[in-house]
């Protein structure tokens, strides 16, 4: 499981180091392969260990084949997925195209999201996680409480 937030830099070749804690979680499965894909609703990238991605992809494959929302989702996520590997220094190569899609500059934030990692521009992460006004925060918390039945 991936937990925590870590700020790292992308080198001139487009590589970003995974924090040791994340590297250990990836390598615990005995496989250094990962899948990188654009997030469906945020300006970031999702990075999955291959096993977690395969399970996610299987669930997507079971969805209705001709539902227009599912077709669009598959096009956005599955067709755009790139398999990659951790190099010997624990880095992942992020292509120029994907860096542009997520507006990644020099400083990126890696956020553990349980079964996958989000890769954000540090600036965009700060905006996305800025405190909500009190009335919006209250509605947000009620919605979350209902979903997870707290």
C-alpha atoms as a PDB file:
ATOM      1  CA  UNK A   1       0.000   0.000   0.000  1.00  0.00           C
ATOM      2  CA  UNK A   2       1.169   3.483  -0.815  1.00  0.00           C
ATOM      3  CA  UNK A   3       0.804   6.161   1.853  1.00  0.00           C
ATOM      4  CA  UNK A   4       2.265   9.597   2.348  1.00  0.00           C
ATOM      5  CA  UNK A   5       3.407  12.539   0.232  1.00  0.00           C
ATOM      6  CA  UNK A   6       6.895  13.146  -1.073  1.00  0.00           C
ATOM      7  CA  UNK A   7       8.310  16.026  -3.100  1.00  0.00           C
ATOM      8  CA  UNK A   8      10.966  15.103  -5.657  1.00  0.00           C
ATOM      9  CA  UNK A   9      12.441  16.624  -8.784  1.00  0.00           C
ATOM     10  CA  UNK A  10      12.387  15.375 -12.350  1.00  0.00           C
ATOM     11  CA  UNK A  11      15.833  15.232 -13.922  1.00  0.00           C
ATOM     12  CA  UNK A  12      16.704  16.541 -17.388  1.00  0.00           C
ATOM     13  CA  UNK A  13      15.860  13.149 -18.941  1.00  0.00           C
ATOM     14  CA  UNK A  14      12.377  13.077 -17.408  1.00  0.00           C
ATOM     15  CA  UNK A  15      13.111  10.598 -14.621  1.00  0.00           C
ATOM     16  CA  UNK A  16      11.678  10.904 -11.136  1.00  0.00           C
ATOM     17  CA  UNK A  17      12.885   8.911  -8.139  1.00  0.00           C
ATOM     18  CA  UNK A  18      10.347   6.971  -6.189  1.00  0.00           C
ATOM     19  CA  UNK A  19      10.664   7.451  -2.441  1.00  0.00           C
ATOM     20  CA  UNK A  20      12.273   4.428  -0.740  1.00  0.00           C
ATOM     21  CA  UNK A  21       8.973   3.556   0.956  1.00  0.00           C
ATOM     22  CA  UNK A  22       7.179   3.433  -2.412  1.00  0.00           C
ATOM     23  CA  UNK A  23      10.053   1.529  -4.065  1.00  0.00           C
ATOM     24  CA  UNK A  24       9.938  -1.078  -1.314  1.00  0.00           C
ATOM     25  CA  UNK A  25       6.177  -1.512  -1.809  1.00  0.00           C
ATOM     26  CA  UNK A  26       6.629  -1.987  -5.573  1.00  0.00           C
ATOM     27  CA  UNK A  27       9.516  -4.417  -5.194  1.00  0.00           C
ATOM     28  CA  UNK A  28       7.735  -6.400  -2.457  1.00  0.00           C
ATOM     29  CA  UNK A  29       5.709  -8.009  -5.246  1.00  0.00           C
ATOM     30  CA  UNK A  30       8.962  -9.143  -6.851  1.00  0.00           C
ATOM     31  CA  UNK A  31       8.302  -7.136 -10.007  1.00  0.00           C
ATOM     32  CA  UNK A  32       9.783  -3.733 -10.872  1.00  0.00           C
ATOM     33  CA  UNK A  33       7.259  -3.130 -13.652  1.00  0.00           C
ATOM     34  CA  UNK A  34       4.785  -0.281 -13.303  1.00  0.00           C
ATOM     35  CA  UNK A  35       1.979   1.202 -15.372  1.00  0.00           C
ATOM     36  CA  UNK A  36       1.717   4.960 -15.872  1.00  0.00           C
ATOM     37  CA  UNK A  37      -1.537   6.482 -17.107  1.00  0.00           C
ATOM     38  CA  UNK A  38      -3.228   9.898 -17.089  1.00  0.00           C
ATOM     39  CA  UNK A  39      -5.713  10.406 -14.268  1.00  0.00           C
ATOM     40  CA  UNK A  40      -9.296  10.473 -15.522  1.00  0.00           C
ATOM     41  CA  UNK A  41     -10.408  13.629 -13.703  1.00  0.00           C
ATOM     42  CA  UNK A  42      -7.372  15.468 -12.330  1.00  0.00           C
ATOM     43  CA  UNK A  43      -4.293  17.071 -13.929  1.00  0.00           C
ATOM     44  CA  UNK A  44      -1.974  14.332 -12.670  1.00  0.00           C
ATOM     45  CA  UNK A  45      -0.699  10.868 -13.549  1.00  0.00           C
ATOM     46  CA  UNK A  46      -1.460   7.539 -11.897  1.00  0.00           C
ATOM     47  CA  UNK A  47       1.338   5.045 -11.318  1.00  0.00           C
ATOM     48  CA  UNK A  48       0.364   1.449 -10.556  1.00  0.00           C
ATOM     49  CA  UNK A  49       2.460  -1.607  -9.752  1.00  0.00           C
ATOM     50  CA  UNK A  50       1.777  -4.051 -12.589  1.00  0.00           C
ATOM     51  CA  UNK A  51      -0.201  -6.443 -10.353  1.00  0.00           C
ATOM     52  CA  UNK A  52      -2.547  -3.715  -9.097  1.00  0.00           C
ATOM     53  CA  UNK A  53      -2.976  -2.397 -12.640  1.00  0.00           C
ATOM     54  CA  UNK A  54      -3.830  -5.869 -13.969  1.00  0.00           C
ATOM     55  CA  UNK A  55      -6.529  -6.233 -11.315  1.00  0.00           C
ATOM     56  CA  UNK A  56      -7.916  -2.752 -12.117  1.00  0.00           C
ATOM     57  CA  UNK A  57      -7.859  -3.481 -15.854  1.00  0.00           C
ATOM     58  CA  UNK A  58      -9.717  -6.771 -15.270  1.00  0.00           C
ATOM     59  CA  UNK A  59     -12.479  -4.882 -13.444  1.00  0.00           C
ATOM     60  CA  UNK A  60     -12.724  -2.399 -16.315  1.00  0.00           C
ATOM     61  CA  UNK A  61     -12.943  -5.270 -18.822  1.00  0.00           C
ATOM     62  CA  UNK A  62     -16.002  -6.620 -16.971  1.00  0.00           C
ATOM     63  CA  UNK A  63     -17.935  -3.368 -17.427  1.00  0.00           C
ATOM     64  CA  UNK A  64     -20.584  -3.032 -20.163  1.00  0.00           C
ATOM     65  CA  UNK A  65     -18.782  -3.069 -23.492  1.00  0.00           C
ATOM     66  CA  UNK A  66     -20.929  -0.543 -25.338  1.00  0.00           C
ATOM     67  CA  UNK A  67     -21.832   1.922 -22.607  1.00  0.00           C
ATOM     68  CA  UNK A  68     -20.569   5.273 -23.961  1.00  0.00           C
ATOM     69  CA  UNK A  69     -19.178   6.356 -20.584  1.00  0.00           C
ATOM     70  CA  UNK A  70     -17.247   3.119 -20.193  1.00  0.00           C
ATOM     71  CA  UNK A  71     -15.967   3.313 -23.778  1.00  0.00           C
ATOM     72  CA  UNK A  72     -14.690   6.835 -23.117  1.00  0.00           C
ATOM     73  CA  UNK A  73     -13.146   5.779 -19.804  1.00  0.00           C
ATOM     74  CA  UNK A  74     -11.313   2.874 -21.483  1.00  0.00           C
ATOM     75  CA  UNK A  75     -10.003   5.219 -24.164  1.00  0.00           C
ATOM     76  CA  UNK A  76      -8.811   7.729 -21.572  1.00  0.00           C
ATOM     77  CA  UNK A  77      -7.207   5.248 -19.196  1.00  0.00           C
ATOM     78  CA  UNK A  78      -6.508   1.822 -20.677  1.00  0.00           C
ATOM     79  CA  UNK A  79      -5.434   2.845 -24.169  1.00  0.00           C
ATOM     80  CA  UNK A  80      -3.144   5.526 -22.720  1.00  0.00           C
ATOM     81  CA  UNK A  81      -1.462   3.218 -20.190  1.00  0.00           C
ATOM     82  CA  UNK A  82       2.300   2.813 -20.551  1.00  0.00           C
ATOM     83  CA  UNK A  83       4.241  -0.022 -18.989  1.00  0.00           C
ATOM     84  CA  UNK A  84       7.522   1.121 -17.476  1.00  0.00           C
ATOM     85  CA  UNK A  85      10.161  -0.163 -15.055  1.00  0.00           C
ATOM     86  CA  UNK A  86      12.051   1.135 -12.106  1.00  0.00           C
ATOM     87  CA  UNK A  87      15.659   1.607 -13.151  1.00  0.00           C
ATOM     88  CA  UNK A  88      18.569   0.513 -10.958  1.00  0.00           C
ATOM     89  CA  UNK A  89      18.432   3.870  -9.128  1.00  0.00           C
ATOM     90  CA  UNK A  90      14.707   3.526  -8.357  1.00  0.00           C
ATOM     91  CA  UNK A  91      13.579   6.058 -10.951  1.00  0.00           C
ATOM     92  CA  UNK A  92      10.666   6.035 -13.383  1.00  0.00           C
ATOM     93  CA  UNK A  93      10.871   7.688 -16.788  1.00  0.00           C
ATOM     94  CA  UNK A  94       7.968  10.058 -17.480  1.00  0.00           C
ATOM     95  CA  UNK A  95       7.687  10.856 -21.182  1.00  0.00           C
ATOM     96  CA  UNK A  96       7.608  14.445 -22.366  1.00  0.00           C
ATOM     97  CA  UNK A  97       4.012  13.959 -23.510  1.00  0.00           C
ATOM     98  CA  UNK A  98       2.933  12.792 -20.064  1.00  0.00           C
ATOM     99  CA  UNK A  99       4.882  15.556 -18.334  1.00  0.00           C
ATOM    100  CA  UNK A 100       2.981  18.053 -20.478  1.00  0.00           C
ATOM    101  CA  UNK A 101      -0.405  16.375 -19.844  1.00  0.00           C
ATOM    102  CA  UNK A 102       0.097  16.722 -16.093  1.00  0.00           C
ATOM    103  CA  UNK A 103       1.864  20.121 -16.284  1.00  0.00           C
ATOM    104  CA  UNK A 104       4.853  18.616 -14.485  1.00  0.00           C
ATOM    105  CA  UNK A 105       7.744  20.973 -13.999  1.00  0.00           C
ATOM    106  CA  UNK A 106      10.925  20.435 -12.047  1.00  0.00           C
ATOM    107  CA  UNK A 107       9.212  19.841  -8.699  1.00  0.00           C
ATOM    108  CA  UNK A 108       6.656  17.019  -8.424  1.00  0.00           C
ATOM    109  CA  UNK A 109       4.666  15.594  -5.565  1.00  0.00           C
ATOM    110  CA  UNK A 110       4.165  11.843  -5.275  1.00  0.00           C
ATOM    111  CA  UNK A 111       1.040  11.026  -3.258  1.00  0.00           C
ATOM    112  CA  UNK A 112       0.313   7.536  -2.001  1.00  0.00           C
ATOM    113  CA  UNK A 113      -3.284   6.628  -2.749  1.00  0.00           C
ATOM    114  CA  UNK A 114      -3.395   3.105  -1.374  1.00  0.00           C
ATOM    115  CA  UNK A 115      -3.060   0.803  -4.388  1.00  0.00           C
ATOM    116  CA  UNK A 116      -1.481   3.434  -6.665  1.00  0.00           C
ATOM    117  CA  UNK A 117       0.530   6.669  -6.644  1.00  0.00           C
ATOM    118  CA  UNK A 118      -0.544  10.042  -7.989  1.00  0.00           C
ATOM    119  CA  UNK A 119       2.174  12.138  -9.645  1.00  0.00           C
ATOM    120  CA  UNK A 120       1.377  15.853  -9.472  1.00  0.00           C
ATOM    121  CA  UNK A 121       2.946  19.182 -10.247  1.00  0.00           C
ATOM    122  CA  UNK A 122       3.700  20.476  -6.741  1.00  0.00           C
ATOM    123  CA  UNK A 123       1.974  23.753  -7.597  1.00  0.00           C
ATOM    124  CA  UNK A 124      -1.200  22.053  -8.883  1.00  0.00           C
ATOM    125  CA  UNK A 125      -1.270  19.721  -5.850  1.00  0.00           C
ATOM    126  CA  UNK A 126      -1.163  22.726  -3.525  1.00  0.00           C
ATOM    127  CA  UNK A 127      -4.096  24.291  -5.369  1.00  0.00           C
ATOM    128  CA  UNK A 128      -6.102  21.039  -5.460  1.00  0.00           C
ATOM    129  CA  UNK A 129      -5.656  20.450  -1.734  1.00  0.00           C
ATOM    130  CA  UNK A 130      -6.130  24.028  -0.547  1.00  0.00           C
ATOM    131  CA  UNK A 131      -8.607  24.391   2.332  1.00  0.00           C
ATOM    132  CA  UNK A 132     -12.248  24.725   1.331  1.00  0.00           C
ATOM    133  CA  UNK A 133     -14.462  27.527   2.619  1.00  0.00           C
ATOM    134  CA  UNK A 134     -16.258  26.368   5.810  1.00  0.00           C
ATOM    135  CA  UNK A 135     -19.675  25.740   4.175  1.00  0.00           C
ATOM    136  CA  UNK A 136     -18.125  23.720   1.311  1.00  0.00           C
ATOM    137  CA  UNK A 137     -15.960  21.798   3.766  1.00  0.00           C
ATOM    138  CA  UNK A 138     -19.027  20.809   5.772  1.00  0.00           C
ATOM    139  CA  UNK A 139     -20.871  19.543   2.647  1.00  0.00           C
ATOM    140  CA  UNK A 140     -17.728  17.716   1.525  1.00  0.00           C
ATOM    141  CA  UNK A 141     -17.322  15.961   4.887  1.00  0.00           C
ATOM    142  CA  UNK A 142     -21.002  14.935   5.016  1.00  0.00           C
ATOM    143  CA  UNK A 143     -20.730  13.453   1.539  1.00  0.00           C
ATOM    144  CA  UNK A 144     -17.592  11.506   2.451  1.00  0.00           C
ATOM    145  CA  UNK A 145     -19.122  10.292   5.724  1.00  0.00           C
ATOM    146  CA  UNK A 146     -22.108   8.926   3.806  1.00  0.00           C
ATOM    147  CA  UNK A 147     -19.909   7.166   1.272  1.00  0.00           C
ATOM    148  CA  UNK A 148     -17.677   5.453   3.802  1.00  0.00           C
ATOM    149  CA  UNK A 149     -20.383   5.133   6.456  1.00  0.00           C
ATOM    150  CA  UNK A 150     -18.530   6.754   9.328  1.00  0.00           C
END
